[in-house]
Amino acid sequence: MIYKVSYVVLDGTLPGGIKNETERPQIGNRVRIGKHVFEIVDVQEVMPPRGDFLYLHATIEPVADPAPQESTS
């Protein structure tokens, strides 16, 4: 399955984008668009799947510190 994802920045200060993804985006995941890193805050289906494609809309917000999160256990 290919996920065609429309990424929209929550506060509108940065441009989003459209990307093809091989894994379904999930809330809390991080995505790099250009030189910026964002965290996904919402994901919704735009329309039913068509063939091997699923169309999604993801709302994202900029990440202040793009370093990977480490487990604290």
Protein backbone atom coordinates (compact mmCIF):
# COMPACT_ATOMS: atom_id res chain seq x y z
CA MET A 1 0.00 0.00 0.00
CA ILE A 2 1.24 3.50 -0.84
CA TYR A 3 0.01 6.33 1.39
CA LYS A 4 -0.32 9.67 -0.39
CA VAL A 5 -0.13 12.11 2.51
CA SER A 6 -0.94 15.80 2.46
CA TYR A 7 0.99 17.40 5.35
CA VAL A 8 -0.33 20.74 6.63
CA VAL A 9 1.51 22.75 9.31
CA LEU A 10 -0.79 23.57 12.23
CA ASP A 11 0.14 27.24 12.65
CA GLY A 12 0.73 27.92 8.94
CA THR A 13 4.19 29.42 9.51
CA LEU A 14 5.93 26.85 7.30
CA PRO A 15 4.87 25.18 4.09
CA GLY A 16 3.74 21.58 4.30
CA GLY A 17 3.92 19.16 1.42
CA ILE A 18 2.64 16.03 -0.22
CA LYS A 19 4.65 12.83 0.13
CA ASN A 20 4.27 9.19 -0.78
CA GLU A 21 4.85 7.02 2.29
CA THR A 22 5.23 3.24 2.56
CA GLU A 23 4.00 3.19 6.18
CA ARG A 24 0.81 4.78 7.46
CA PRO A 25 1.58 7.96 9.43
CA GLN A 26 0.57 7.82 13.10
CA ILE A 27 0.01 10.55 15.69
CA GLY A 28 3.31 11.23 17.45
CA ASN A 29 5.48 10.14 14.50
CA ARG A 30 8.01 12.61 13.17
CA VAL A 31 8.42 13.50 9.51
CA ARG A 32 11.06 15.53 7.71
CA ILE A 33 9.86 17.92 5.01
CA GLY A 34 12.74 19.78 3.45
CA LYS A 35 15.11 20.84 6.23
CA HIS A 36 12.38 20.89 8.91
CA VAL A 37 11.23 18.15 11.30
CA PHE A 38 7.58 17.97 12.34
CA GLU A 39 5.48 15.87 14.70
CA ILE A 40 2.16 14.49 13.49
CA VAL A 41 -0.77 15.65 15.65
CA ASP A 42 -3.71 14.35 13.57
CA VAL A 43 -4.30 11.96 10.65
CA GLN A 44 -7.51 11.57 8.65
CA GLU A 45 -8.50 9.65 5.53
CA VAL A 46 -9.38 11.95 2.65
CA MET A 47 -11.19 9.31 0.57
CA PRO A 48 -11.54 5.53 0.42
CA PRO A 49 -8.54 3.56 -0.89
CA ARG A 50 -8.14 3.34 -4.68
CA GLY A 51 -6.16 0.36 -5.84
CA ASP A 52 -2.85 0.38 -3.97
CA PHE A 53 -3.23 4.00 -2.81
CA LEU A 54 -4.74 5.47 0.35
CA TYR A 55 -5.09 9.26 0.53
CA LEU A 56 -4.49 10.85 3.93
CA HIS A 57 -4.36 14.33 5.45
CA ALA A 58 -1.92 14.86 8.34
CA THR A 59 -1.75 17.93 10.54
CA ILE A 60 1.79 18.55 11.79
CA GLU A 61 3.63 20.96 14.07
CA PRO A 62 7.31 21.95 14.06
CA VAL A 63 9.62 20.15 16.47
CA ALA A 64 11.87 22.52 18.43
CA ASP A 65 14.58 19.90 18.99
CA PRO A 66 14.73 17.43 16.08
CA ALA A 67 16.94 14.98 18.02
CA PRO A 68 15.41 11.50 18.27
CA GLN A 69 13.48 10.80 21.44
CA GLU A 70 15.19 8.40 23.82
CA SER A 71 13.48 5.90 26.07
CA THR A 72 13.74 6.75 29.77
CA SER A 73 13.32 3.20 31.07
